[in-house]
C-alpha atoms as a PDB file:
ATOM      1  CA  UNK A   1      30.633 -81.542  -4.529  1.00  0.00           C
ATOM      2  CA  UNK A   2      31.339 -78.591  -6.806  1.00  0.00           C
ATOM      3  CA  UNK A   3      29.282 -77.665 -10.066  1.00  0.00           C
ATOM      4  CA  UNK A   4      32.411 -78.117 -11.913  1.00  0.00           C
ATOM      5  CA  UNK A   5      33.442 -81.573 -10.720  1.00  0.00           C
ATOM      6  CA  UNK A   6      29.606 -82.860 -11.137  1.00  0.00           C
ATOM      7  CA  UNK A   7      29.769 -81.422 -14.692  1.00  0.00           C
ATOM      8  CA  UNK A   8      33.123 -83.455 -15.378  1.00  0.00           C
ATOM      9  CA  UNK A   9      31.340 -86.543 -13.684  1.00  0.00           C
ATOM     10  CA  UNK A  10      28.425 -86.487 -15.804  1.00  0.00           C
ATOM     11  CA  UNK A  11      30.534 -85.899 -18.705  1.00  0.00           C
ATOM     12  CA  UNK A  12      32.650 -88.802 -18.152  1.00  0.00           C
ATOM     13  CA  UNK A  13      29.705 -91.021 -17.497  1.00  0.00           C
ATOM     14  CA  UNK A  14      28.259 -89.870 -21.058  1.00  0.00           C
ATOM     15  CA  UNK A  15      31.438 -90.596 -22.672  1.00  0.00           C
ATOM     16  CA  UNK A  16      31.489 -94.131 -21.096  1.00  0.00           C
ATOM     17  CA  UNK A  17      27.589 -94.665 -22.264  1.00  0.00           C
ATOM     18  CA  UNK A  18      28.660 -93.488 -25.468  1.00  0.00           C
ATOM     19  CA  UNK A  19      25.872 -91.064 -25.142  1.00  0.00           C
ATOM     20  CA  UNK A  20      25.863 -86.957 -25.975  1.00  0.00           C
ATOM     21  CA  UNK A  21      24.196 -84.324 -24.615  1.00  0.00           C
ATOM     22  CA  UNK A  22      22.158 -83.730 -27.911  1.00  0.00           C
ATOM     23  CA  UNK A  23      21.212 -87.438 -28.070  1.00  0.00           C
ATOM     24  CA  UNK A  24      19.593 -86.817 -24.373  1.00  0.00           C
ATOM     25  CA  UNK A  25      17.810 -83.879 -25.918  1.00  0.00           C
ATOM     26  CA  UNK A  26      16.796 -85.515 -29.129  1.00  0.00           C
ATOM     27  CA  UNK A  27      15.237 -88.454 -27.067  1.00  0.00           C
ATOM     28  CA  UNK A  28      13.311 -86.220 -25.104  1.00  0.00           C
ATOM     29  CA  UNK A  29      11.612 -85.062 -28.165  1.00  0.00           C
ATOM     30  CA  UNK A  30       8.621 -86.229 -30.002  1.00  0.00           C
ATOM     31  CA  UNK A  31       9.377 -88.514 -32.909  1.00  0.00           C
ATOM     32  CA  UNK A  32       9.607 -86.254 -35.976  1.00  0.00           C
ATOM     33  CA  UNK A  33       6.925 -86.938 -38.693  1.00  0.00           C
ATOM     34  CA  UNK A  34       7.128 -87.250 -42.438  1.00  0.00           C
ATOM     35  CA  UNK A  35       6.021 -84.390 -44.422  1.00  0.00           C
ATOM     36  CA  UNK A  36       2.681 -86.306 -45.412  1.00  0.00           C
ATOM     37  CA  UNK A  37       2.008 -87.006 -41.764  1.00  0.00           C
ATOM     38  CA  UNK A  38       2.731 -83.545 -40.711  1.00  0.00           C
ATOM     39  CA  UNK A  39       1.568 -81.256 -43.526  1.00  0.00           C
ATOM     40  CA  UNK A  40      -2.367 -81.350 -42.548  1.00  0.00           C
ATOM     41  CA  UNK A  41      -1.284 -79.694 -39.246  1.00  0.00           C
ATOM     42  CA  UNK A  42       0.497 -76.853 -40.997  1.00  0.00           C
ATOM     43  CA  UNK A  43      -2.769 -76.473 -43.435  1.00  0.00           C
ATOM     44  CA  UNK A  44      -5.064 -76.503 -40.511  1.00  0.00           C
ATOM     45  CA  UNK A  45      -3.020 -73.717 -38.550  1.00  0.00           C
ATOM     46  CA  UNK A  46      -2.393 -71.624 -41.395  1.00  0.00           C
ATOM     47  CA  UNK A  47      -4.875 -68.228 -42.303  1.00  0.00           C
ATOM     48  CA  UNK A  48      -7.022 -68.098 -45.727  1.00  0.00           C
ATOM     49  CA  UNK A  49      -4.053 -65.764 -47.419  1.00  0.00           C
ATOM     50  CA  UNK A  50      -1.431 -68.503 -46.483  1.00  0.00           C
ATOM     51  CA  UNK A  51      -3.390 -71.251 -47.767  1.00  0.00           C
ATOM     52  CA  UNK A  52      -4.413 -69.487 -51.014  1.00  0.00           C
ATOM     53  CA  UNK A  53      -0.909 -68.564 -51.658  1.00  0.00           C
ATOM     54  CA  UNK A  54       1.221 -71.574 -50.708  1.00  0.00           C
ATOM     55  CA  UNK A  55      -1.928 -74.445 -51.052  1.00  0.00           C
ATOM     56  CA  UNK A  56      -0.261 -75.519 -54.497  1.00  0.00           C
ATOM     57  CA  UNK A  57       3.028 -75.430 -53.380  1.00  0.00           C
ATOM     58  CA  UNK A  58       2.240 -77.615 -50.244  1.00  0.00           C
ATOM     59  CA  UNK A  59       0.565 -80.014 -52.526  1.00  0.00           C
ATOM     60  CA  UNK A  60       3.914 -80.125 -54.547  1.00  0.00           C
ATOM     61  CA  UNK A  61       5.700 -80.565 -51.340  1.00  0.00           C
ATOM     62  CA  UNK A  62       3.555 -83.530 -50.493  1.00  0.00           C
ATOM     63  CA  UNK A  63       3.797 -85.261 -53.928  1.00  0.00           C
ATOM     64  CA  UNK A  64       7.895 -84.840 -53.815  1.00  0.00           C
ATOM     65  CA  UNK A  65       8.844 -85.440 -50.133  1.00  0.00           C
ATOM     66  CA  UNK A  66       5.704 -86.993 -49.022  1.00  0.00           C
ATOM     67  CA  UNK A  67       7.242 -90.046 -47.595  1.00  0.00           C
ATOM     68  CA  UNK A  68      10.401 -88.071 -46.044  1.00  0.00           C
ATOM     69  CA  UNK A  69      10.678 -87.194 -42.379  1.00  0.00           C
ATOM     70  CA  UNK A  70      10.947 -83.146 -41.771  1.00  0.00           C
ATOM     71  CA  UNK A  71      14.820 -83.924 -40.573  1.00  0.00           C
ATOM     72  CA  UNK A  72      15.675 -85.657 -43.727  1.00  0.00           C
ATOM     73  CA  UNK A  73      15.233 -82.740 -46.015  1.00  0.00           C
ATOM     74  CA  UNK A  74      18.304 -80.235 -46.756  1.00  0.00           C
ATOM     75  CA  UNK A  75      18.966 -76.992 -48.147  1.00  0.00           C
ATOM     76  CA  UNK A  76      19.833 -78.518 -51.454  1.00  0.00           C
ATOM     77  CA  UNK A  77      16.362 -80.264 -51.709  1.00  0.00           C
ATOM     78  CA  UNK A  78      15.038 -77.069 -51.165  1.00  0.00           C
ATOM     79  CA  UNK A  79      16.764 -75.070 -53.834  1.00  0.00           C
ATOM     80  CA  UNK A  80      16.052 -77.953 -56.524  1.00  0.00           C
ATOM     81  CA  UNK A  81      12.413 -77.581 -55.601  1.00  0.00           C
ATOM     82  CA  UNK A  82      12.860 -74.140 -56.128  1.00  0.00           C
ATOM     83  CA  UNK A  83      14.154 -74.293 -59.508  1.00  0.00           C
ATOM     84  CA  UNK A  84      11.671 -76.927 -60.911  1.00  0.00           C
ATOM     85  CA  UNK A  85       8.888 -74.526 -59.892  1.00  0.00           C
ATOM     86  CA  UNK A  86      10.393 -71.579 -61.716  1.00  0.00           C
ATOM     87  CA  UNK A  87      10.994 -73.634 -64.328  1.00  0.00           C
ATOM     88  CA  UNK A  88       7.738 -74.880 -64.970  1.00  0.00           C
ATOM     89  CA  UNK A  89       5.842 -71.668 -63.591  1.00  0.00           C
ATOM     90  CA  UNK A  90       2.844 -70.318 -65.774  1.00  0.00           C
ATOM     91  CA  UNK A  91       3.649 -67.267 -67.915  1.00  0.00           C
ATOM     92  CA  UNK A  92       1.582 -64.496 -66.697  1.00  0.00           C
ATOM     93  CA  UNK A  93       0.992 -60.544 -68.034  1.00  0.00           C
ATOM     94  CA  UNK A  94       2.931 -59.748 -64.933  1.00  0.00           C
ATOM     95  CA  UNK A  95       5.744 -63.133 -64.756  1.00  0.00           C
ATOM     96  CA  UNK A  96       9.186 -62.478 -64.193  1.00  0.00           C
ATOM     97  CA  UNK A  97      10.607 -65.670 -65.458  1.00  0.00           C
ATOM     98  CA  UNK A  98       9.350 -67.711 -62.544  1.00  0.00           C
ATOM     99  CA  UNK A  99      10.883 -65.574 -59.843  1.00  0.00           C
ATOM    100  CA  UNK A 100       7.498 -65.619 -57.938  1.00  0.00           C
ATOM    101  CA  UNK A 101       7.084 -69.031 -58.209  1.00  0.00           C
ATOM    102  CA  UNK A 102      10.630 -69.965 -56.716  1.00  0.00           C
ATOM    103  CA  UNK A 103      10.207 -67.393 -54.040  1.00  0.00           C
ATOM    104  CA  UNK A 104       6.557 -68.887 -53.017  1.00  0.00           C
ATOM    105  CA  UNK A 105       8.255 -72.321 -52.642  1.00  0.00           C
ATOM    106  CA  UNK A 106      10.598 -71.341 -50.487  1.00  0.00           C
ATOM    107  CA  UNK A 107       7.825 -69.347 -48.139  1.00  0.00           C
ATOM    108  CA  UNK A 108       5.783 -72.393 -48.322  1.00  0.00           C
ATOM    109  CA  UNK A 109       8.300 -74.738 -47.151  1.00  0.00           C
ATOM    110  CA  UNK A 110       9.616 -72.164 -44.220  1.00  0.00           C
ATOM    111  CA  UNK A 111       6.197 -72.288 -43.141  1.00  0.00           C
ATOM    112  CA  UNK A 112       6.263 -75.936 -42.438  1.00  0.00           C
ATOM    113  CA  UNK A 113       9.525 -75.586 -40.690  1.00  0.00           C
ATOM    114  CA  UNK A 114       8.366 -72.460 -38.845  1.00  0.00           C
ATOM    115  CA  UNK A 115       5.589 -74.605 -37.478  1.00  0.00           C
ATOM    116  CA  UNK A 116       7.649 -77.576 -36.771  1.00  0.00           C
ATOM    117  CA  UNK A 117      10.013 -75.505 -34.772  1.00  0.00           C
ATOM    118  CA  UNK A 118       6.961 -73.983 -32.793  1.00  0.00           C
ATOM    119  CA  UNK A 119       5.920 -77.571 -31.985  1.00  0.00           C
ATOM    120  CA  UNK A 120       9.197 -78.675 -30.679  1.00  0.00           C
ATOM    121  CA  UNK A 121       9.898 -81.053 -33.494  1.00  0.00           C
ATOM    122  CA  UNK A 122      13.621 -79.531 -34.128  1.00  0.00           C
ATOM    123  CA  UNK A 123      15.504 -76.778 -33.662  1.00  0.00           C
ATOM    124  CA  UNK A 124      15.432 -73.237 -35.628  1.00  0.00           C
ATOM    125  CA  UNK A 125      19.128 -73.821 -36.711  1.00  0.00           C
ATOM    126  CA  UNK A 126      17.977 -77.412 -38.303  1.00  0.00           C
ATOM    127  CA  UNK A 127      15.742 -75.711 -40.853  1.00  0.00           C
ATOM    128  CA  UNK A 128      16.654 -76.468 -44.449  1.00  0.00           C
ATOM    129  CA  UNK A 129      14.303 -73.840 -45.678  1.00  0.00           C
ATOM    130  CA  UNK A 130      16.075 -71.135 -43.678  1.00  0.00           C
ATOM    131  CA  UNK A 131      19.437 -71.817 -45.325  1.00  0.00           C
ATOM    132  CA  UNK A 132      18.296 -70.697 -48.717  1.00  0.00           C
ATOM    133  CA  UNK A 133      17.760 -67.322 -49.679  1.00  0.00           C
ATOM    134  CA  UNK A 134      14.879 -66.117 -51.402  1.00  0.00           C
ATOM    135  CA  UNK A 135      15.313 -64.686 -54.873  1.00  0.00           C
ATOM    136  CA  UNK A 136      15.841 -60.959 -54.914  1.00  0.00           C
ATOM    137  CA  UNK A 137      12.981 -59.075 -55.780  1.00  0.00           C
ATOM    138  CA  UNK A 138      13.041 -56.757 -59.072  1.00  0.00           C
ATOM    139  CA  UNK A 139      11.777 -53.152 -59.085  1.00  0.00           C
ATOM    140  CA  UNK A 140       8.039 -53.220 -59.820  1.00  0.00           C
ATOM    141  CA  UNK A 141       7.267 -52.249 -63.233  1.00  0.00           C
ATOM    142  CA  UNK A 142       3.776 -50.799 -61.596  1.00  0.00           C
ATOM    143  CA  UNK A 143       3.335 -46.750 -61.838  1.00  0.00           C
ATOM    144  CA  UNK A 144       0.623 -44.375 -61.598  1.00  0.00           C
ATOM    145  CA  UNK A 145      -1.875 -44.501 -64.565  1.00  0.00           C
ATOM    146  CA  UNK A 146      -2.920 -40.888 -66.097  1.00  0.00           C
ATOM    147  CA  UNK A 147      -6.261 -39.691 -66.170  1.00  0.00           C
ATOM    148  CA  UNK A 148      -6.604 -40.457 -69.649  1.00  0.00           C
ATOM    149  CA  UNK A 149      -5.449 -44.060 -69.053  1.00  0.00           C
ATOM    150  CA  UNK A 150      -7.792 -44.372 -66.205  1.00  0.00           C
ATOM    151  CA  UNK A 151     -10.847 -42.971 -68.241  1.00  0.00           C
ATOM    152  CA  UNK A 152     -10.198 -45.104 -71.166  1.00  0.00           C
ATOM    153  CA  UNK A 153      -9.980 -48.265 -68.246  1.00  0.00           C
ATOM    154  CA  UNK A 154     -13.272 -47.300 -67.113  1.00  0.00           C
ATOM    155  CA  UNK A 155     -15.039 -46.503 -70.153  1.00  0.00           C
ATOM    156  CA  UNK A 156     -14.639 -50.002 -71.248  1.00  0.00           C
ATOM    157  CA  UNK A 157     -15.397 -51.441 -68.036  1.00  0.00           C
ATOM    158  CA  UNK A 158     -18.873 -49.659 -68.293  1.00  0.00           C
ATOM    159  CA  UNK A 159     -19.555 -50.680 -72.303  1.00  0.00           C
ATOM    160  CA  UNK A 160     -18.598 -54.115 -72.459  1.00  0.00           C
ATOM    161  CA  UNK A 161     -18.997 -57.656 -70.343  1.00  0.00           C
ATOM    162  CA  UNK A 162     -22.053 -59.444 -68.795  1.00  0.00           C
ATOM    163  CA  UNK A 163     -22.435 -57.092 -65.789  1.00  0.00           C
ATOM    164  CA  UNK A 164     -21.205 -53.713 -66.268  1.00  0.00           C
ATOM    165  CA  UNK A 165     -22.638 -52.053 -63.055  1.00  0.00           C
ATOM    166  CA  UNK A 166     -20.774 -54.344 -60.978  1.00  0.00           C
ATOM    167  CA  UNK A 167     -17.560 -53.927 -63.016  1.00  0.00           C
ATOM    168  CA  UNK A 168     -17.903 -49.885 -62.834  1.00  0.00           C
ATOM    169  CA  UNK A 169     -18.699 -50.083 -59.125  1.00  0.00           C
ATOM    170  CA  UNK A 170     -15.683 -52.085 -58.927  1.00  0.00           C
ATOM    171  CA  UNK A 171     -13.160 -50.097 -60.202  1.00  0.00           C
ATOM    172  CA  UNK A 172     -14.666 -47.017 -58.481  1.00  0.00           C
ATOM    173  CA  UNK A 173     -14.498 -48.760 -55.014  1.00  0.00           C
ATOM    174  CA  UNK A 174     -10.744 -49.385 -55.797  1.00  0.00           C
ATOM    175  CA  UNK A 175     -10.031 -46.094 -57.131  1.00  0.00           C
ATOM    176  CA  UNK A 176     -11.571 -44.404 -54.268  1.00  0.00           C
ATOM    177  CA  UNK A 177     -10.560 -46.514 -51.582  1.00  0.00           C
ATOM    178  CA  UNK A 178      -6.943 -47.700 -52.792  1.00  0.00           C
ATOM    179  CA  UNK A 179      -8.212 -50.852 -50.976  1.00  0.00           C
ATOM    180  CA  UNK A 180      -6.520 -54.236 -52.179  1.00  0.00           C
ATOM    181  CA  UNK A 181      -8.388 -57.025 -53.930  1.00  0.00           C
ATOM    182  CA  UNK A 182      -8.959 -58.816 -50.473  1.00  0.00           C
ATOM    183  CA  UNK A 183     -10.577 -55.625 -48.917  1.00  0.00           C
ATOM    184  CA  UNK A 184     -13.245 -55.424 -51.736  1.00  0.00           C
ATOM    185  CA  UNK A 185     -13.983 -59.083 -51.608  1.00  0.00           C
ATOM    186  CA  UNK A 186     -14.382 -59.376 -47.667  1.00  0.00           C
ATOM    187  CA  UNK A 187     -16.768 -56.626 -47.491  1.00  0.00           C
ATOM    188  CA  UNK A 188     -20.533 -56.924 -45.870  1.00  0.00           C
ATOM    189  CA  UNK A 189     -23.712 -55.028 -45.830  1.00  0.00           C
ATOM    190  CA  UNK A 190     -22.847 -54.201 -42.184  1.00  0.00           C
ATOM    191  CA  UNK A 191     -19.387 -52.764 -43.587  1.00  0.00           C
ATOM    192  CA  UNK A 192     -21.248 -49.753 -45.050  1.00  0.00           C
ATOM    193  CA  UNK A 193     -21.925 -46.565 -43.520  1.00  0.00           C
ATOM    194  CA  UNK A 194     -24.004 -44.385 -45.900  1.00  0.00           C
ATOM    195  CA  UNK A 195     -24.431 -41.538 -43.550  1.00  0.00           C
ATOM    196  CA  UNK A 196     -20.836 -40.973 -42.609  1.00  0.00           C
ATOM    197  CA  UNK A 197     -19.430 -41.827 -46.285  1.00  0.00           C
ATOM    198  CA  UNK A 198     -17.103 -45.148 -44.983  1.00  0.00           C
ATOM    199  CA  UNK A 199     -16.475 -48.617 -45.544  1.00  0.00           C
ATOM    200  CA  UNK A 200     -14.769 -50.943 -43.063  1.00  0.00           C
ATOM    201  CA  UNK A 201     -11.771 -52.894 -45.019  1.00  0.00           C
ATOM    202  CA  UNK A 202     -10.504 -56.210 -43.683  1.00  0.00           C
ATOM    203  CA  UNK A 203      -7.372 -56.615 -45.185  1.00  0.00           C
ATOM    204  CA  UNK A 204      -3.975 -58.671 -45.310  1.00  0.00           C
ATOM    205  CA  UNK A 205      -2.665 -59.535 -41.695  1.00  0.00           C
ATOM    206  CA  UNK A 206      -6.366 -58.913 -40.319  1.00  0.00           C
ATOM    207  CA  UNK A 207      -5.850 -55.335 -40.285  1.00  0.00           C
ATOM    208  CA  UNK A 208      -9.007 -53.469 -40.048  1.00  0.00           C
ATOM    209  CA  UNK A 209      -9.939 -49.846 -40.766  1.00  0.00           C
ATOM    210  CA  UNK A 210     -12.632 -47.528 -41.763  1.00  0.00           C
ATOM    211  CA  UNK A 211     -11.785 -45.975 -45.311  1.00  0.00           C
ATOM    212  CA  UNK A 212     -13.764 -42.612 -46.582  1.00  0.00           C
ATOM    213  CA  UNK A 213     -15.619 -42.854 -49.875  1.00  0.00           C
ATOM    214  CA  UNK A 214     -18.047 -40.608 -51.560  1.00  0.00           C
ATOM    215  CA  UNK A 215     -21.602 -40.444 -50.475  1.00  0.00           C
ATOM    216  CA  UNK A 216     -22.421 -41.095 -54.013  1.00  0.00           C
ATOM    217  CA  UNK A 217     -20.337 -44.528 -54.001  1.00  0.00           C
ATOM    218  CA  UNK A 218     -21.837 -45.186 -50.799  1.00  0.00           C
ATOM    219  CA  UNK A 219     -25.337 -44.839 -51.800  1.00  0.00           C
ATOM    220  CA  UNK A 220     -24.436 -46.713 -55.157  1.00  0.00           C
ATOM    221  CA  UNK A 221     -22.947 -49.767 -53.020  1.00  0.00           C
ATOM    222  CA  UNK A 222     -26.285 -49.824 -50.615  1.00  0.00           C
ATOM    223  CA  UNK A 223     -28.379 -49.952 -53.449  1.00  0.00           C
ATOM    224  CA  UNK A 224     -26.469 -52.542 -55.529  1.00  0.00           C
ATOM    225  CA  UNK A 225     -26.796 -54.672 -52.447  1.00  0.00           C
ATOM    226  CA  UNK A 226     -30.193 -54.629 -51.487  1.00  0.00           C
ATOM    227  CA  UNK A 227     -31.222 -54.935 -55.213  1.00  0.00           C
ATOM    228  CA  UNK A 228     -29.385 -58.044 -55.386  1.00  0.00           C
ATOM    229  CA  UNK A 229     -30.345 -59.824 -52.422  1.00  0.00           C
ATOM    230  CA  UNK A 230     -28.453 -58.369 -49.551  1.00  0.00           C
ATOM    231  CA  UNK A 231     -30.596 -58.568 -46.394  1.00  0.00           C
ATOM    232  CA  UNK A 232     -28.622 -59.756 -43.259  1.00  0.00           C
ATOM    233  CA  UNK A 233     -26.112 -57.517 -42.029  1.00  0.00           C
ATOM    234  CA  UNK A 234     -23.260 -60.518 -42.783  1.00  0.00           C
ATOM    235  CA  UNK A 235     -24.413 -60.465 -46.290  1.00  0.00           C
ATOM    236  CA  UNK A 236     -21.751 -59.666 -48.812  1.00  0.00           C
ATOM    237  CA  UNK A 237     -21.823 -56.285 -50.157  1.00  0.00           C
ATOM    238  CA  UNK A 238     -20.851 -56.940 -53.851  1.00  0.00           C
ATOM    239  CA  UNK A 239     -22.904 -59.425 -55.752  1.00  0.00           C
ATOM    240  CA  UNK A 240     -23.489 -61.325 -59.296  1.00  0.00           C
ATOM    241  CA  UNK A 241     -26.719 -60.149 -61.036  1.00  0.00           C
ATOM    242  CA  UNK A 242     -28.246 -63.561 -59.944  1.00  0.00           C
ATOM    243  CA  UNK A 243     -27.400 -62.480 -56.591  1.00  0.00           C
ATOM    244  CA  UNK A 244     -24.336 -64.366 -55.307  1.00  0.00           C
ATOM    245  CA  UNK A 245     -21.577 -63.074 -53.669  1.00  0.00           C
ATOM    246  CA  UNK A 246     -18.937 -61.837 -56.373  1.00  0.00           C
ATOM    247  CA  UNK A 247     -15.416 -63.751 -56.108  1.00  0.00           C
ATOM    248  CA  UNK A 248     -12.148 -63.308 -57.311  1.00  0.00           C
ATOM    249  CA  UNK A 249     -12.652 -64.604 -60.564  1.00  0.00           C
ATOM    250  CA  UNK A 250     -14.583 -61.348 -61.584  1.00  0.00           C
ATOM    251  CA  UNK A 251     -11.159 -59.670 -61.602  1.00  0.00           C
ATOM    252  CA  UNK A 252      -9.388 -61.887 -64.057  1.00  0.00           C
ATOM    253  CA  UNK A 253     -12.167 -61.794 -66.244  1.00  0.00           C
ATOM    254  CA  UNK A 254     -12.393 -57.838 -66.138  1.00  0.00           C
ATOM    255  CA  UNK A 255      -8.672 -57.240 -66.773  1.00  0.00           C
ATOM    256  CA  UNK A 256      -8.749 -59.895 -69.449  1.00  0.00           C
ATOM    257  CA  UNK A 257     -11.568 -58.271 -71.224  1.00  0.00           C
ATOM    258  CA  UNK A 258     -10.184 -54.735 -70.671  1.00  0.00           C
ATOM    259  CA  UNK A 259      -6.687 -56.255 -72.272  1.00  0.00           C
ATOM    260  CA  UNK A 260      -8.526 -57.541 -75.293  1.00  0.00           C
ATOM    261  CA  UNK A 261     -10.074 -54.018 -76.029  1.00  0.00           C
ATOM    262  CA  UNK A 262      -6.854 -51.969 -74.829  1.00  0.00           C
ATOM    263  CA  UNK A 263      -3.773 -53.814 -75.926  1.00  0.00           C
ATOM    264  CA  UNK A 264      -1.394 -51.473 -73.824  1.00  0.00           C
ATOM    265  CA  UNK A 265      -3.339 -52.897 -70.671  1.00  0.00           C
ATOM    266  CA  UNK A 266      -2.693 -56.625 -71.464  1.00  0.00           C
ATOM    267  CA  UNK A 267       1.030 -55.470 -72.834  1.00  0.00           C
ATOM    268  CA  UNK A 268       1.848 -53.810 -69.353  1.00  0.00           C
ATOM    269  CA  UNK A 269       0.003 -56.164 -67.292  1.00  0.00           C
ATOM    270  CA  UNK A 270      -2.113 -53.583 -65.666  1.00  0.00           C
ATOM    271  CA  UNK A 271      -4.327 -55.006 -62.983  1.00  0.00           C
ATOM    272  CA  UNK A 272      -6.291 -53.937 -59.943  1.00  0.00           C
ATOM    273  CA  UNK A 273      -3.115 -52.905 -57.829  1.00  0.00           C
ATOM    274  CA  UNK A 274      -2.287 -50.331 -60.398  1.00  0.00           C
ATOM    275  CA  UNK A 275      -5.692 -48.467 -59.496  1.00  0.00           C
ATOM    276  CA  UNK A 276      -4.144 -48.555 -55.716  1.00  0.00           C
ATOM    277  CA  UNK A 277      -0.616 -47.412 -57.188  1.00  0.00           C
ATOM    278  CA  UNK A 278      -2.544 -44.536 -58.841  1.00  0.00           C
ATOM    279  CA  UNK A 279      -4.446 -43.271 -56.015  1.00  0.00           C
ATOM    280  CA  UNK A 280      -1.693 -43.350 -53.457  1.00  0.00           C
ATOM    281  CA  UNK A 281       0.453 -41.497 -55.774  1.00  0.00           C
ATOM    282  CA  UNK A 282      -2.012 -38.613 -56.269  1.00  0.00           C
ATOM    283  CA  UNK A 283      -2.647 -38.419 -52.543  1.00  0.00           C
ATOM    284  CA  UNK A 284       1.065 -38.569 -51.666  1.00  0.00           C
ATOM    285  CA  UNK A 285       1.957 -35.672 -54.330  1.00  0.00           C
ATOM    286  CA  UNK A 286      -1.119 -33.578 -52.861  1.00  0.00           C
ATOM    287  CA  UNK A 287      -1.466 -34.336 -49.415  1.00  0.00           C
ATOM    288  CA  UNK A 288       2.182 -35.408 -48.568  1.00  0.00           C
ATOM    289  CA  UNK A 289       3.503 -38.946 -47.275  1.00  0.00           C
ATOM    290  CA  UNK A 290       1.728 -38.903 -43.692  1.00  0.00           C
ATOM    291  CA  UNK A 291      -1.816 -38.724 -45.489  1.00  0.00           C
ATOM    292  CA  UNK A 292      -0.733 -41.390 -48.185  1.00  0.00           C
ATOM    293  CA  UNK A 293       0.100 -43.814 -45.592  1.00  0.00           C
ATOM    294  CA  UNK A 294      -2.982 -43.609 -43.366  1.00  0.00           C
ATOM    295  CA  UNK A 295      -4.765 -43.805 -47.002  1.00  0.00           C
ATOM    296  CA  UNK A 296      -3.033 -46.875 -47.766  1.00  0.00           C
ATOM    297  CA  UNK A 297      -3.681 -48.360 -44.126  1.00  0.00           C
ATOM    298  CA  UNK A 298      -0.059 -48.445 -43.408  1.00  0.00           C
ATOM    299  CA  UNK A 299      -0.136 -46.189 -40.235  1.00  0.00           C
ATOM    300  CA  UNK A 300       0.674 -49.448 -37.932  1.00  0.00           C
ATOM    301  CA  UNK A 301       3.067 -50.614 -40.352  1.00  0.00           C
ATOM    302  CA  UNK A 302       7.187 -50.456 -39.034  1.00  0.00           C
ATOM    303  CA  UNK A 303       9.431 -47.910 -40.843  1.00  0.00           C
ATOM    304  CA  UNK A 304      11.813 -45.113 -40.134  1.00  0.00           C
ATOM    305  CA  UNK A 305      11.540 -43.574 -36.713  1.00  0.00           C
ATOM    306  CA  UNK A 306      10.056 -39.980 -38.264  1.00  0.00           C
ATOM    307  CA  UNK A 307       6.881 -42.337 -39.334  1.00  0.00           C
ATOM    308  CA  UNK A 308       5.956 -41.806 -35.700  1.00  0.00           C
ATOM    309  CA  UNK A 309       5.576 -38.109 -36.168  1.00  0.00           C
ATOM    310  CA  UNK A 310       3.566 -38.072 -39.337  1.00  0.00           C
ATOM    311  CA  UNK A 311       0.784 -40.135 -38.756  1.00  0.00           C
ATOM    312  CA  UNK A 312      -2.923 -38.898 -40.229  1.00  0.00           C
ATOM    313  CA  UNK A 313      -6.156 -39.239 -38.859  1.00  0.00           C
ATOM    314  CA  UNK A 314      -9.622 -40.198 -40.985  1.00  0.00           C
ATOM    315  CA  UNK A 315     -10.413 -36.864 -41.132  1.00  0.00           C
ATOM    316  CA  UNK A 316      -7.133 -36.293 -43.466  1.00  0.00           C
ATOM    317  CA  UNK A 317      -8.105 -38.907 -45.430  1.00  0.00           C
ATOM    318  CA  UNK A 318     -11.722 -37.883 -45.971  1.00  0.00           C
ATOM    319  CA  UNK A 319      -9.675 -34.418 -46.955  1.00  0.00           C
ATOM    320  CA  UNK A 320      -7.615 -36.071 -49.628  1.00  0.00           C
ATOM    321  CA  UNK A 321     -10.595 -38.214 -50.886  1.00  0.00           C
ATOM    322  CA  UNK A 322     -12.909 -35.230 -51.252  1.00  0.00           C
ATOM    323  CA  UNK A 323     -10.024 -32.949 -53.153  1.00  0.00           C
ATOM    324  CA  UNK A 324      -9.462 -36.149 -55.701  1.00  0.00           C
ATOM    325  CA  UNK A 325     -13.183 -36.558 -56.445  1.00  0.00           C
ATOM    326  CA  UNK A 326     -14.490 -33.228 -56.123  1.00  0.00           C
ATOM    327  CA  UNK A 327     -17.166 -34.174 -54.146  1.00  0.00           C
ATOM    328  CA  UNK A 328     -17.776 -33.068 -50.260  1.00  0.00           C
ATOM    329  CA  UNK A 329     -17.294 -35.233 -47.649  1.00  0.00           C
ATOM    330  CA  UNK A 330     -18.986 -34.989 -44.076  1.00  0.00           C
ATOM    331  CA  UNK A 331     -15.605 -35.815 -42.592  1.00  0.00           C
ATOM    332  CA  UNK A 332     -13.545 -33.628 -44.712  1.00  0.00           C
ATOM    333  CA  UNK A 333     -11.762 -30.568 -43.152  1.00  0.00           C
ATOM    334  CA  UNK A 334     -12.802 -27.754 -45.347  1.00  0.00           C
ATOM    335  CA  UNK A 335     -10.038 -25.250 -44.522  1.00  0.00           C
ATOM    336  CA  UNK A 336      -7.692 -28.064 -45.785  1.00  0.00           C
ATOM    337  CA  UNK A 337      -9.332 -29.158 -49.011  1.00  0.00           C
ATOM    338  CA  UNK A 338      -8.323 -25.780 -50.758  1.00  0.00           C
ATOM    339  CA  UNK A 339      -4.712 -25.840 -48.732  1.00  0.00           C
END
């Protein structure tokens, strides 16, 4: 019997039984759980970054849709939740009228359905979250700070607050390395190489790299950690006066205090990420795009085909750091520093 005839016979039998191929496929799938039943599995599989970003949105999703099955949610439901989140978003210094909250809602719902598709609970085409477009991102208001502005910020950090030592070293670390907040928060004693002037940064996406710092900062970081109780290699490098590892809340307190004393900081919503923007802008202007990408830790990111040929190494990054700080670095190329 030919394949065509067999298919025709099978189709005729299914029609007589009132069953479709989709019905057979659905019958083989596990029963689709409710949001409340499935969300704990999504949370357990999420990384710390996703949990921190989407945790509050997942809680809101559970409150709104907890008793509904995954396959009962439609695109209109996602859009309604997006509008609601944008409307009730707390005003922030860098707020955009709730656009970020709306974007995060869609991303949080997509994370749930990405997991459901991966677990074989539904087809990718059935995801309602992927039928809703994220809000278009507006151009960033961040810019490079001027040397005078940067000095003002550091002066306030060094002359106010209940831990000027931590605040000063924190700002210097971000200015020299252009690292993200997560990179600083993850630093341990074993991530510091004092002799070669390096710190090992672990940042978003699990990226890992050694970043040059001045020998002065390396010595200050080591003394800071040791004097505040860091003993084991896995102990946190940045620490409060009482010896505990510092947390992200310190950033909030720091910029709030600086903004109270420098109104232009509060008005423009300046934050730690502006220091990254400032340093990378300087490096790009003086050493080119390739070195700036390496300095930022973007050497493995996708981009235009030409980025394959403009990668910079650790020595080039150290050379840029040396030129920016005016301090020698053991990994810098002396012949390039004056170029």
